[in-house]
Amino acid sequence: MSEIHGPGGPVPHIPDDVTVVQFMLDMNHESRPVAPSAQTNPWLIEDATGRMISYAEIRSRTQGLANGISSRWRISEDDVVCIFSPNHVDYPVAVWAVHRLGAIVTAANPAYMAGELEYQLTTTKAKLLFVHPWSYEVATDAARAAGLAPDRIVLFDSLPNNSCVTIQQLVEEGHSKPPSFTERRLNPGEGKTKLAFLSFSSGTTGRPKAVCIPHYTPIANVIQMSHLANLQTLPWEERKWRPGDAAIAVLPFFHIYGLVVIMHFSIFYALTLVVVPKFNFVDMLKSIERYRINQLSVVPPMILLLCKHPAVKQHDLSSVHMIMCGAAPLSAELTWRLAEIFPRARIGQGYGMTEACTTVSFPQNEQKVCTPGSAGRLIPGIIARVVQPDGSHAGYNKPGQLVVKGPALALRYLNNEEATKETFVDGWLYTGDEVMINESAEVFVVDRIKELLKVKGFQVAPAELEGHLLDHPDVSDVCVVGVPDDYSGELPLAFVALSPNALERVKKDPGEAERIKATLMKHVSDTKVHYKRLAAGVEFVDVIPKNPSGKLLRRVLRDRAKEMKEQGKLPLVPKPKL
């Protein structure tokens, strides 16, 4: 067994001469279902207000915004526009308006600090910045540092005493003016090379990298998922995906899971998205009850809350019939506990990554509670290999690195030839995840070969934190590892070898050790997004273990961290109250 094919193929025709917006708003594809109430079913619902937004309104706003952007700034082919915002009902409008112009979207985490956003703006050479009012101050600081003029900032909603133009104003402006651009149909095959997104993904070294995603790949992945959903043969009420259902959009649209699976696939498959800008668990329960939400796309920390939070019993969640977990592995124990709490729900996991744009495996169609511990089944169109350290291909139920091929793979990393050569090899994507695959094409994630941490579903590159800590004068050497955590998946812990000066200060005053630890944690929290902070703390060591070539022996310290946790020696930072 050298290659495993996702069952259910072949995949329907994937158009390679249209953009994402043309695929979503202008064409009817054979894999696209029709909702039972397609004429009246809203595409989006604004969680806070209950405002319903139809296909016609989205299409009209997209056209108006595209014309407004083009009229003001002449944004056009291959320009980059950054979206720095939590979820918003105009988020897809902003994405698709940029695509109408032939330009490229780069979506940034709204929790970023100014330096992190500046890095993304500079790396992508963004010419326009869409910003939510919540993130405005950080955005202005980052834009200034990146050389982006203040009049190149567009607000999702108005701010008092602020002169920045809003999306609504641009939509109205665009509708009031004659067309200032000509949208074109791509040449045959051009969809496979013309960029739609520059989505950031952490690597094993250095800072996050921009993944080059052409229009063809998210279209392909949406078709793959829709085709799989169309293969359901169970009675209607037992199906996982049902056109006309209401789904919650609480996972962030900037993340590849939220962008492709929730924002594009869900809308394409005729689901109504209830758009939630910020996750709060109790508020999410209220939204499920208020809008009779049927489908939950979540990550493991949310599953843990669904299983353990006392507020769950205070709300009517009987409308939920499908729960899909992704972004990080979910244990078999939590899966069964969830099934007890939601006895009517279909439960399963998916697996994907930014470089695969997005889904590699999806919940099994025929199972009510999908095989516990599995990350789902390979989707149609995916070919997988399980590669052992010696380069040979493992058989069924044998561990090795997951290597995949399919129509939805990204092209490369932007301006990073070395990382591209390591990850994208002869049409295959080397995921860096150790897995086992069984005879049913079910994927079981064993470990990450790459050194990435997964904190609340987000990728954290230890090298980024290590480089930042090494800038501090008290640090001589450092190694960051992940500590397993039921809520977050992993928490970053820094093992630090102190500089001679710091060691001398600690010898004179033992209390200085705790002060240095607090200083180093603040050194990270002042400049890094919340999930990159040292939530498992700082531990001092005499020396950072390395092999003869100087490579960090990260596994040695990871094992030490697990042992310290089991012995109760790690003062984990308390979790915020919800």
Protein backbone atom coordinates (compact mmCIF):
# COMPACT_ATOMS: atom_id res chain seq x y z
CA MET A 1 0.00 0.00 0.00
CA SER A 2 1.80 3.14 -1.21
CA GLU A 3 -1.08 5.55 -1.82
CA ILE A 4 -4.51 5.91 -0.26
CA HIS A 5 -7.28 7.63 -2.19
CA GLY A 6 -10.11 9.46 -0.52
CA PRO A 7 -13.23 7.41 -1.34
CA GLY A 8 -16.20 8.81 -3.21
CA GLY A 9 -14.47 10.13 -6.32
CA PRO A 10 -14.27 11.29 -8.95
CA VAL A 11 -14.78 14.92 -7.95
CA PRO A 12 -17.10 16.96 -10.21
CA HIS A 13 -15.59 19.43 -12.67
CA ILE A 14 -13.56 22.19 -11.00
CA PRO A 15 -13.62 25.38 -13.09
CA ASP A 16 -10.17 26.87 -13.62
CA ASP A 17 -11.27 30.05 -15.42
CA VAL A 18 -13.28 31.82 -12.70
CA THR A 19 -12.43 33.75 -9.56
CA VAL A 20 -13.71 32.86 -6.11
CA VAL A 21 -16.34 35.63 -6.23
CA GLN A 22 -17.59 34.53 -9.65
CA PHE A 23 -17.87 30.96 -8.38
CA MET A 24 -19.76 32.02 -5.25
CA LEU A 25 -22.03 34.74 -6.64
CA ASP A 26 -22.37 34.28 -10.41
CA MET A 27 -22.50 30.62 -11.35
CA ASN A 28 -24.46 27.47 -10.62
CA HIS A 29 -22.25 24.44 -10.09
CA GLU A 30 -23.50 20.86 -10.24
CA SER A 31 -22.39 20.18 -6.66
CA ARG A 32 -24.25 23.19 -5.25
CA PRO A 33 -27.53 22.22 -3.57
CA VAL A 34 -30.65 24.35 -3.39
CA ALA A 35 -32.05 25.14 0.04
CA PRO A 36 -35.69 24.17 0.63
CA SER A 37 -36.50 27.86 1.01
CA ALA A 38 -33.85 29.25 -1.31
CA GLN A 39 -35.91 32.32 -2.23
CA THR A 40 -36.35 33.47 1.37
CA ASN A 41 -33.45 31.84 3.21
CA PRO A 42 -30.91 34.48 4.29
CA TRP A 43 -27.24 33.86 3.61
CA LEU A 44 -26.13 35.65 6.78
CA ILE A 45 -27.63 36.74 10.09
CA GLU A 46 -25.97 39.38 12.26
CA ASP A 47 -25.83 37.79 15.71
CA ALA A 48 -26.17 40.97 17.78
CA THR A 49 -29.15 42.43 15.92
CA GLY A 50 -30.84 39.56 14.12
CA ARG A 51 -30.49 41.43 10.84
CA MET A 52 -30.86 39.06 7.89
CA ILE A 53 -28.81 39.51 4.73
CA SER A 54 -29.89 37.88 1.50
CA TYR A 55 -27.91 36.73 -1.52
CA ALA A 56 -29.23 39.71 -3.50
CA GLU A 57 -28.03 42.18 -0.87
CA ILE A 58 -24.58 40.59 -0.61
CA ARG A 59 -24.18 40.60 -4.38
CA SER A 60 -25.25 44.24 -4.60
CA ARG A 61 -22.98 45.36 -1.75
CA THR A 62 -20.05 43.46 -3.24
CA GLN A 63 -20.47 45.24 -6.57
CA GLY A 64 -20.89 48.65 -4.96
CA LEU A 65 -17.86 48.20 -2.70
CA ALA A 66 -15.69 47.01 -5.59
CA ASN A 67 -16.60 50.07 -7.62
CA GLY A 68 -16.04 52.35 -4.64
CA ILE A 69 -12.58 50.92 -4.00
CA SER A 70 -11.66 51.13 -7.66
CA SER A 71 -12.92 54.72 -7.98
CA ARG A 72 -11.02 56.00 -4.94
CA TRP A 73 -7.73 54.12 -5.03
CA ARG A 74 -7.56 52.32 -8.38
CA ILE A 75 -7.04 48.99 -6.64
CA SER A 76 -6.67 46.52 -9.46
CA GLU A 77 -5.02 43.32 -10.70
CA ASP A 78 -2.72 41.67 -8.14
CA ASP A 79 -2.78 44.54 -5.63
CA VAL A 80 -3.01 43.28 -2.04
CA VAL A 81 -5.73 44.36 0.40
CA CYS A 82 -5.51 43.45 4.08
CA ILE A 83 -8.58 42.72 6.22
CA PHE A 84 -7.97 43.27 9.94
CA SER A 85 -11.24 42.49 11.63
CA PRO A 86 -13.18 40.00 13.70
CA ASN A 87 -16.11 38.30 11.99
CA HIS A 88 -18.58 40.75 10.46
CA VAL A 89 -21.47 40.37 8.02
CA ASP A 90 -19.52 42.54 5.57
CA TYR A 91 -16.40 40.34 5.79
CA PRO A 92 -17.37 38.21 2.77
CA VAL A 93 -18.45 41.38 0.97
CA ALA A 94 -14.98 42.85 1.50
CA VAL A 95 -13.26 39.64 0.35
CA TRP A 96 -15.37 39.27 -2.76
CA ALA A 97 -15.21 42.98 -3.69
CA VAL A 98 -11.41 42.72 -3.71
CA HIS A 99 -11.67 39.64 -5.93
CA ARG A 100 -14.01 41.47 -8.35
CA LEU A 101 -11.07 43.78 -9.01
CA GLY A 102 -8.61 40.95 -9.60
CA ALA A 103 -6.78 41.89 -6.38
CA ILE A 104 -5.53 39.66 -3.54
CA VAL A 105 -6.81 39.37 0.04
CA THR A 106 -4.57 38.89 3.06
CA ALA A 107 -6.58 38.40 6.26
CA ALA A 108 -4.93 39.31 9.58
CA ASN A 109 -5.71 38.20 13.10
CA PRO A 110 -7.65 41.07 14.77
CA ALA A 111 -5.89 40.28 18.06
CA TYR A 112 -2.48 41.11 16.58
CA MET A 113 -0.25 43.71 18.16
CA ALA A 114 0.93 46.56 15.96
CA GLY A 115 4.30 44.94 15.20
CA GLU A 116 2.68 41.70 14.05
CA LEU A 117 0.25 43.52 11.76
CA GLU A 118 3.05 45.72 10.42
CA TYR A 119 4.97 42.56 9.50
CA GLN A 120 2.00 41.24 7.52
CA LEU A 121 1.36 44.57 5.79
CA THR A 122 5.03 44.91 4.87
CA THR A 123 5.47 41.29 3.77
CA THR A 124 2.45 41.41 1.45
CA LYS A 125 2.95 45.04 0.36
CA ALA A 126 -0.70 45.76 1.11
CA LYS A 127 -2.15 48.90 -0.49
CA LEU A 128 -5.41 49.11 1.47
CA LEU A 129 -6.50 48.12 4.96
CA PHE A 130 -10.02 47.19 6.07
CA VAL A 131 -10.33 47.60 9.83
CA HIS A 132 -12.94 46.94 12.48
CA PRO A 133 -13.40 49.81 14.97
CA TRP A 134 -12.26 47.49 17.79
CA SER A 135 -8.86 47.22 16.13
CA TYR A 136 -8.51 50.77 14.85
CA GLU A 137 -5.75 52.03 17.17
CA VAL A 138 -3.50 49.04 16.52
CA ALA A 139 -4.22 49.33 12.80
CA THR A 140 -3.21 52.99 12.62
CA ASP A 141 0.07 52.32 14.44
CA ALA A 142 0.86 49.40 12.15
CA ALA A 143 -0.13 51.28 9.00
CA ARG A 144 2.06 54.21 9.96
CA ALA A 145 5.04 51.92 10.57
CA ALA A 146 4.40 50.11 7.27
CA GLY A 147 4.17 53.35 5.30
CA LEU A 148 0.46 53.02 4.53
CA ALA A 149 -1.27 56.42 4.38
CA PRO A 150 -4.13 57.11 6.85
CA ASP A 151 -6.59 57.62 3.97
CA ARG A 152 -5.95 54.00 2.95
CA ILE A 153 -7.81 52.71 6.02
CA VAL A 154 -11.45 51.65 5.59
CA LEU A 155 -13.68 51.03 8.61
CA PHE A 156 -16.23 48.23 8.77
CA ASP A 157 -18.41 50.47 10.95
CA SER A 158 -18.17 54.18 11.75
CA LEU A 159 -16.30 55.60 14.72
CA PRO A 160 -17.24 58.88 16.45
CA ASN A 161 -15.11 61.84 15.39
CA ASN A 162 -13.26 59.75 12.83
CA SER A 163 -12.74 60.80 9.23
CA CYS A 164 -11.99 57.31 7.81
CA VAL A 165 -14.37 56.18 5.12
CA THR A 166 -16.63 53.23 5.96
CA ILE A 167 -17.66 50.24 3.89
CA GLN A 168 -21.23 51.56 3.82
CA GLN A 169 -20.05 54.89 2.42
CA LEU A 170 -17.98 53.13 -0.23
CA VAL A 171 -20.93 50.91 -1.19
CA GLU A 172 -23.14 53.98 -1.64
CA GLU A 173 -20.38 55.79 -3.50
CA GLY A 174 -19.84 52.81 -5.76
CA HIS A 175 -23.53 52.57 -6.61
CA SER A 176 -23.73 56.28 -7.38
CA LYS A 177 -20.83 56.32 -9.84
CA PRO A 178 -20.42 54.78 -13.29
CA PRO A 179 -18.37 51.57 -13.43
CA SER A 180 -14.67 52.28 -12.96
CA PHE A 181 -13.38 48.78 -13.63
CA THR A 182 -14.00 45.91 -15.99
CA GLU A 183 -14.20 42.53 -14.33
CA ARG A 184 -12.72 39.84 -16.50
CA ARG A 185 -13.13 36.10 -16.85
CA LEU A 186 -9.85 34.31 -16.33
CA ASN A 187 -8.18 32.53 -19.19
CA PRO A 188 -8.46 28.71 -19.17
CA GLY A 189 -6.11 27.39 -16.48
CA GLU A 190 -5.38 30.86 -15.06
CA GLY A 191 -7.35 30.12 -11.90
CA LYS A 192 -4.58 27.70 -10.92
CA THR A 193 -1.95 30.43 -10.82
CA LYS A 194 -3.72 33.75 -10.14
CA LEU A 195 -3.55 34.49 -6.41
CA ALA A 196 -6.72 34.96 -4.38
CA PHE A 197 -5.32 34.89 -0.82
CA LEU A 198 -2.06 35.36 1.04
CA SER A 199 -2.89 33.48 4.23
CA PHE A 200 -0.32 33.37 7.00
CA SER A 201 0.90 30.11 8.50
CA SER A 202 3.65 29.53 11.05
CA GLY A 203 6.60 27.41 10.06
CA THR A 204 9.24 25.53 11.98
CA THR A 205 11.65 28.42 11.72
CA GLY A 206 11.32 32.15 11.87
CA ARG A 207 8.18 34.23 11.65
CA PRO A 208 4.84 33.31 10.02
CA LYS A 209 4.96 32.80 6.26
CA ALA A 210 2.49 33.94 3.61
CA VAL A 211 0.91 30.97 1.83
CA CYS A 212 0.12 31.68 -1.82
CA ILE A 213 -3.41 30.44 -2.53
CA PRO A 214 -4.78 30.76 -6.09
CA HIS A 215 -8.50 31.03 -6.91
CA TYR A 216 -8.69 27.42 -8.07
CA THR A 217 -7.78 25.89 -4.71
CA PRO A 218 -10.57 27.20 -2.41
CA ILE A 219 -13.04 26.53 -5.23
CA ALA A 220 -11.70 22.97 -5.48
CA ASN A 221 -11.91 22.40 -1.74
CA VAL A 222 -15.48 23.70 -1.57
CA ILE A 223 -16.44 21.34 -4.40
CA GLN A 224 -14.68 18.41 -2.70
CA MET A 225 -16.56 19.01 0.57
CA SER A 226 -19.88 19.60 -1.22
CA HIS A 227 -19.48 16.47 -3.31
CA LEU A 228 -18.85 14.46 -0.14
CA ALA A 229 -21.92 15.99 1.51
CA ASN A 230 -23.98 15.13 -1.59
CA LEU A 231 -22.99 11.46 -1.19
CA GLN A 232 -25.04 11.18 2.03
CA THR A 233 -27.62 8.40 1.75
CA LEU A 234 -29.16 8.47 5.23
CA PRO A 235 -32.67 9.84 5.81
CA TRP A 236 -32.82 13.64 5.76
CA GLU A 237 -33.06 14.05 9.54
CA GLU A 238 -29.94 11.90 10.04
CA ARG A 239 -27.68 13.72 7.59
CA LYS A 240 -24.79 15.81 8.84
CA TRP A 241 -25.09 18.50 6.16
CA ARG A 242 -28.55 19.72 5.20
CA PRO A 243 -29.20 22.71 2.93
CA GLY A 244 -31.33 25.28 4.74
CA ASP A 245 -29.79 24.62 8.16
CA ALA A 246 -28.50 27.42 10.37
CA ALA A 247 -24.80 27.28 11.27
CA ILE A 248 -22.81 29.38 13.70
CA ALA A 249 -19.84 31.39 12.39
CA VAL A 250 -17.95 32.03 15.60
CA LEU A 251 -14.55 30.73 14.47
CA PRO A 252 -12.59 33.59 12.91
CA PHE A 253 -12.82 34.22 9.17
CA PHE A 254 -9.14 35.23 9.01
CA HIS A 255 -8.18 31.63 9.89
CA ILE A 256 -8.19 29.17 6.98
CA TYR A 257 -10.79 26.96 8.74
CA GLY A 258 -13.17 29.91 9.10
CA LEU A 259 -12.36 31.34 5.69
CA VAL A 260 -12.84 28.24 3.52
CA VAL A 261 -14.90 25.74 5.50
CA ILE A 262 -17.27 28.13 7.28
CA MET A 263 -17.46 31.24 5.11
CA HIS A 264 -17.26 29.62 1.68
CA PHE A 265 -18.36 25.98 1.96
CA SER A 266 -21.25 26.68 4.35
CA ILE A 267 -22.66 29.45 2.20
CA PHE A 268 -22.12 27.42 -0.98
CA TYR A 269 -23.94 24.48 0.59
CA ALA A 270 -27.00 26.71 1.28
CA LEU A 271 -26.53 27.07 5.04
CA THR A 272 -27.45 30.30 6.82
CA LEU A 273 -24.50 31.65 8.79
CA VAL A 274 -25.11 33.40 12.11
CA VAL A 275 -22.08 35.70 12.22
CA VAL A 276 -20.55 36.18 15.68
CA PRO A 277 -17.70 38.71 15.97
CA LYS A 278 -16.20 37.54 19.25
CA PHE A 279 -16.33 34.22 21.08
CA ASN A 280 -17.94 34.18 24.49
CA PHE A 281 -19.17 30.76 25.54
CA VAL A 282 -22.35 31.74 27.36
CA ASP A 283 -23.25 34.19 24.60
CA MET A 284 -22.72 31.40 22.07
CA LEU A 285 -25.20 29.22 23.97
CA LYS A 286 -27.71 32.07 23.86
CA SER A 287 -27.21 32.44 20.11
CA ILE A 288 -27.75 28.71 19.53
CA GLU A 289 -31.00 28.95 21.45
CA ARG A 290 -32.15 32.24 19.88
CA TYR A 291 -31.54 31.28 16.25
CA ARG A 292 -32.19 27.52 16.61
CA ILE A 293 -28.75 26.78 15.22
CA ASN A 294 -28.31 23.30 13.77
CA GLN A 295 -24.59 23.10 13.00
CA LEU A 296 -21.58 23.89 15.16
CA SER A 297 -18.08 24.13 13.69
CA VAL A 298 -15.81 24.35 16.70
CA VAL A 299 -12.34 23.65 18.10
CA PRO A 300 -11.38 21.44 21.10
CA PRO A 301 -11.47 24.20 23.77
CA MET A 302 -15.11 24.82 22.86
CA ILE A 303 -15.85 21.09 23.07
CA LEU A 304 -14.35 21.04 26.55
CA LEU A 305 -16.67 23.88 27.58
CA LEU A 306 -19.68 22.15 26.04
CA CYS A 307 -18.83 19.12 28.15
CA LYS A 308 -18.06 20.84 31.44
CA HIS A 309 -19.55 24.34 31.66
CA PRO A 310 -22.59 24.51 33.99
CA ALA A 311 -24.37 27.00 31.69
CA VAL A 312 -24.94 24.28 29.09
CA LYS A 313 -27.82 22.88 31.16
CA GLN A 314 -29.47 26.31 31.31
CA HIS A 315 -30.12 26.59 27.56
CA ASP A 316 -32.22 24.74 25.01
CA LEU A 317 -29.65 23.34 22.60
CA SER A 318 -31.94 20.71 21.11
CA SER A 319 -31.72 22.28 17.63
CA VAL A 320 -28.08 21.16 17.30
CA HIS A 321 -27.80 18.07 15.11
CA MET A 322 -24.21 18.35 13.83
CA ILE A 323 -20.97 19.18 15.67
CA MET A 324 -17.70 19.22 13.75
CA CYS A 325 -14.39 19.80 15.48
CA GLY A 326 -11.20 20.84 13.73
CA ALA A 327 -7.89 22.74 14.05
CA ALA A 328 -6.48 20.28 16.63
CA PRO A 329 -7.06 16.63 17.62
CA LEU A 330 -10.01 15.80 19.87
CA SER A 331 -9.60 12.92 22.29
CA ALA A 332 -11.85 9.88 22.22
CA GLU A 333 -12.84 10.60 25.83
CA LEU A 334 -14.15 14.07 24.98
CA THR A 335 -15.92 12.71 21.90
CA TRP A 336 -17.93 10.23 23.97
CA ARG A 337 -18.65 12.80 26.66
CA LEU A 338 -19.97 15.18 24.01
CA ALA A 339 -22.17 12.43 22.59
CA GLU A 340 -23.73 11.93 26.03
CA ILE A 341 -24.58 15.63 26.33
CA PHE A 342 -25.89 15.88 22.75
CA PRO A 343 -27.49 12.46 22.19
CA ARG A 344 -29.27 13.59 19.00
CA ALA A 345 -26.24 15.21 17.38
CA ARG A 346 -23.94 13.82 14.70
CA ILE A 347 -20.35 14.32 15.84
CA GLY A 348 -17.10 14.17 13.89
CA GLN A 349 -13.70 15.69 13.26
CA GLY A 350 -11.93 17.16 10.28
CA TYR A 351 -8.27 17.76 9.47
CA GLY A 352 -6.70 20.40 7.30
CA MET A 353 -4.08 23.10 7.08
CA THR A 354 -3.49 26.42 5.40
CA GLU A 355 -1.12 24.88 2.85
CA ALA A 356 -3.86 22.41 1.82
CA CYS A 357 -6.50 25.15 1.57
CA THR A 358 -8.05 23.60 3.67
CA THR A 359 -9.73 20.26 4.23
CA VAL A 360 -7.90 16.94 3.89
CA SER A 361 -10.33 14.82 5.90
CA PHE A 362 -13.95 15.35 6.93
CA PRO A 363 -16.41 13.56 9.26
CA GLN A 364 -17.59 10.19 8.03
CA ASN A 365 -21.00 10.39 6.33
CA GLU A 366 -22.42 7.13 7.61
CA GLN A 367 -21.50 7.36 11.30
CA LYS A 368 -23.54 9.21 13.90
CA VAL A 369 -20.54 9.47 16.23
CA CYS A 370 -17.50 9.21 14.01
CA THR A 371 -14.69 6.85 14.96
CA PRO A 372 -13.41 8.35 18.25
CA GLY A 373 -9.85 9.58 17.96
CA SER A 374 -9.95 9.85 14.19
CA ALA A 375 -9.58 13.15 12.37
CA GLY A 376 -12.18 12.04 9.86
CA ARG A 377 -11.90 10.31 6.48
CA LEU A 378 -9.89 11.49 3.49
CA ILE A 379 -12.19 13.52 1.25
CA PRO A 380 -12.72 12.71 -2.45
CA GLY A 381 -9.85 13.92 -4.61
CA ILE A 382 -7.19 13.55 -1.89
CA ILE A 383 -4.34 11.08 -2.37
CA ALA A 384 -2.31 10.35 0.76
CA ARG A 385 0.97 8.69 1.56
CA VAL A 386 2.28 7.81 5.00
CA VAL A 387 6.04 8.26 4.74
CA GLN A 388 8.45 6.70 7.23
CA PRO A 389 11.76 8.32 8.26
CA ASP A 390 13.69 6.20 5.74
CA GLY A 391 11.46 7.43 2.91
CA SER A 392 9.49 4.21 2.52
CA HIS A 393 5.70 4.18 2.55
CA ALA A 394 3.99 2.75 5.62
CA GLY A 395 1.10 0.32 5.39
CA TYR A 396 -2.30 0.65 6.98
CA ASN A 397 -2.27 1.48 10.70
CA LYS A 398 1.46 2.22 10.65
CA PRO A 399 2.82 5.65 11.67
CA GLY A 400 4.61 8.08 9.41
CA GLN A 401 4.45 11.60 8.06
CA LEU A 402 1.26 12.47 6.21
CA VAL A 403 2.01 13.55 2.64
CA VAL A 404 -0.92 14.52 0.43
CA LYS A 405 -1.79 15.49 -3.12
CA GLY A 406 -5.04 17.01 -4.34
CA PRO A 407 -6.60 19.82 -6.36
CA ALA A 408 -6.69 22.29 -3.46
CA LEU A 409 -3.00 22.59 -2.53
CA ALA A 410 -1.47 26.03 -2.23
CA LEU A 411 1.29 26.99 -4.65
CA ARG A 412 4.17 28.04 -2.41
CA TYR A 413 5.29 30.35 0.35
CA LEU A 414 5.70 33.97 -0.66
CA ASN A 415 9.37 34.88 -1.18
CA ASN A 416 10.61 31.86 0.75
CA GLU A 417 12.16 29.36 -1.62
CA GLU A 418 13.80 27.25 1.09
CA ALA A 419 10.57 26.65 3.04
CA THR A 420 8.69 26.03 -0.22
CA LYS A 421 11.15 23.30 -1.25
CA GLU A 422 10.78 21.60 2.14
CA THR A 423 6.97 21.60 2.14
CA PHE A 424 5.85 21.43 -1.51
CA VAL A 425 7.72 18.60 -3.25
CA ASP A 426 6.85 17.44 -6.79
CA GLY A 427 3.15 18.18 -6.35
CA TRP A 428 2.97 16.68 -2.84
CA LEU A 429 2.44 18.54 0.42
CA TYR A 430 4.55 17.39 3.36
CA THR A 431 2.28 18.19 6.31
CA GLY A 432 4.73 17.66 9.15
CA ASP A 433 2.11 15.62 11.01
CA GLU A 434 2.69 12.02 12.06
CA VAL A 435 -0.43 9.98 11.37
CA MET A 436 -1.81 6.50 10.86
CA ILE A 437 -4.45 5.74 8.21
CA ASN A 438 -6.64 2.65 8.38
CA GLU A 439 -8.32 0.57 5.68
CA SER A 440 -11.36 2.88 5.75
CA ALA A 441 -9.16 5.90 4.86
CA GLU A 442 -9.66 7.31 8.36
CA VAL A 443 -6.82 9.53 9.60
CA PHE A 444 -5.45 9.34 13.14
CA VAL A 445 -3.05 12.13 14.12
CA VAL A 446 -0.25 10.73 16.30
CA ASP A 447 2.10 13.68 16.73
CA ARG A 448 3.52 16.70 14.97
CA ILE A 449 6.85 16.13 13.31
CA LYS A 450 7.15 19.85 12.81
CA GLU A 451 7.92 21.81 15.93
CA LEU A 452 4.76 23.89 15.76
CA LEU A 453 2.57 24.25 18.81
CA LYS A 454 -1.22 24.28 18.52
CA VAL A 455 -2.72 26.71 21.05
CA LYS A 456 -6.52 26.93 20.90
CA GLY A 457 -6.29 25.77 17.29
CA PHE A 458 -3.76 28.45 16.32
CA GLN A 459 -0.26 27.65 15.11
CA VAL A 460 2.60 28.98 17.23
CA ALA A 461 6.17 28.69 15.98
CA PRO A 462 8.53 28.16 18.94
CA ALA A 463 11.31 29.76 16.89
CA GLU A 464 9.40 33.04 16.74
CA LEU A 465 9.10 33.21 20.54
CA GLU A 466 12.68 32.03 21.00
CA GLY A 467 13.98 34.75 18.71
CA HIS A 468 12.00 37.35 20.61
CA LEU A 469 13.21 36.13 24.01
CA LEU A 470 16.83 36.05 22.85
CA ASP A 471 16.56 39.80 22.31
CA HIS A 472 16.19 40.23 26.07
CA PRO A 473 19.51 40.94 27.85
CA ASP A 474 18.78 38.45 30.65
CA VAL A 475 18.49 35.51 28.22
CA SER A 476 21.55 33.58 27.11
CA ASP A 477 19.70 30.70 25.41
CA VAL A 478 16.10 29.51 25.20
CA CYS A 479 13.89 26.68 24.02
CA VAL A 480 10.07 26.92 23.88
CA VAL A 481 7.95 23.76 24.10
CA GLY A 482 4.28 22.99 24.41
CA VAL A 483 2.67 21.72 27.60
CA PRO A 484 -0.47 19.60 27.05
CA ASP A 485 -3.61 21.33 28.27
CA ASP A 486 -7.21 20.11 28.16
CA TYR A 487 -8.59 23.54 27.34
CA SER A 488 -6.04 25.01 24.94
CA GLY A 489 -4.46 21.89 23.48
CA GLU A 490 -1.00 23.16 24.33
CA LEU A 491 0.46 26.07 26.27
CA PRO A 492 3.87 27.63 25.52
CA LEU A 493 6.58 27.12 28.15
CA ALA A 494 10.01 28.74 27.86
CA PHE A 495 13.10 26.99 29.21
CA VAL A 496 15.65 29.76 29.66
CA ALA A 497 19.40 29.73 30.30
CA LEU A 498 20.18 33.05 31.98
CA SER A 499 22.90 35.46 30.96
CA PRO A 500 25.94 35.81 33.29
CA ASN A 501 24.65 39.17 34.52
CA ALA A 502 21.23 37.77 35.38
CA LEU A 503 22.77 34.75 37.09
CA GLU A 504 24.87 37.05 39.25
CA ARG A 505 21.78 39.03 40.28
CA VAL A 506 19.91 35.84 41.19
CA LYS A 507 22.83 34.66 43.33
CA LYS A 508 22.78 37.91 45.30
CA ASP A 509 18.99 37.96 45.67
CA PRO A 510 17.00 34.71 45.17
CA GLY A 511 13.82 36.79 44.78
CA GLU A 512 15.25 38.19 41.56
CA ALA A 513 14.49 34.88 39.82
CA GLU A 514 10.72 35.41 40.02
CA ARG A 515 11.10 39.02 38.93
CA ILE A 516 13.04 37.94 35.84
CA LYS A 517 10.40 35.33 35.00
CA ALA A 518 7.66 37.95 35.23
CA THR A 519 9.71 40.34 33.10
CA LEU A 520 10.25 37.74 30.37
CA MET A 521 6.56 36.83 30.28
CA LYS A 522 5.70 40.53 29.94
CA HIS A 523 8.37 40.88 27.25
CA VAL A 524 6.33 38.41 25.18
CA SER A 525 2.83 39.56 26.13
CA ASP A 526 3.61 43.19 25.26
CA THR A 527 4.27 42.38 21.62
CA LYS A 528 2.61 39.05 20.79
CA VAL A 529 -0.98 38.02 20.24
CA HIS A 530 -2.63 36.34 23.26
CA TYR A 531 -2.22 32.72 22.16
CA LYS A 532 1.56 33.18 21.75
CA ARG A 533 2.07 34.24 25.35
CA LEU A 534 3.96 32.07 27.82
CA ALA A 535 0.85 30.74 29.55
CA ALA A 536 2.80 27.79 31.00
CA GLY A 537 5.47 30.13 32.36
CA VAL A 538 9.25 30.33 32.33
CA GLU A 539 11.63 27.76 33.78
CA PHE A 540 15.35 28.29 34.26
CA VAL A 541 17.88 25.64 33.21
CA ASP A 542 21.68 25.61 33.33
CA VAL A 543 21.97 24.74 29.66
CA ILE A 544 19.65 24.14 26.70
CA PRO A 545 20.24 20.57 25.45
CA LYS A 546 21.40 20.31 21.83
CA ASN A 547 22.76 17.64 19.52
CA PRO A 548 26.34 17.77 18.15
CA SER A 549 25.24 19.87 15.18
CA GLY A 550 23.66 22.46 17.48
CA LYS A 551 20.00 21.55 16.89
CA LEU A 552 17.75 22.01 19.90
CA LEU A 553 16.78 18.73 21.55
CA ARG A 554 13.24 19.98 21.97
CA ARG A 555 11.82 16.56 22.77
CA VAL A 556 14.04 16.28 25.87
CA LEU A 557 12.60 19.49 27.29
CA ARG A 558 9.08 18.58 26.17
CA ASP A 559 9.33 15.39 28.20
CA ARG A 560 10.66 17.35 31.18
CA ALA A 561 7.74 19.77 30.90
CA LYS A 562 5.22 16.91 30.92
CA GLU A 563 6.89 15.44 33.99
CA MET A 564 6.83 18.82 35.76
CA LYS A 565 3.14 19.22 34.97
CA GLU A 566 2.33 15.77 36.33
CA GLN A 567 4.19 16.66 39.53
CA GLY A 568 2.32 19.97 39.84
CA LYS A 569 5.47 22.04 39.45
CA LEU A 570 4.22 24.31 36.66
CA PRO A 571 2.37 27.45 37.77
CA LEU A 572 0.04 27.61 34.75
CA VAL A 573 -1.44 31.04 34.09
CA PRO A 574 -5.16 31.01 35.11
CA LYS A 575 -7.63 30.82 32.24
CA PRO A 576 -9.84 33.87 31.70
CA LYS A 577 -13.38 33.64 32.99
CA LEU A 578 -16.07 33.40 30.35
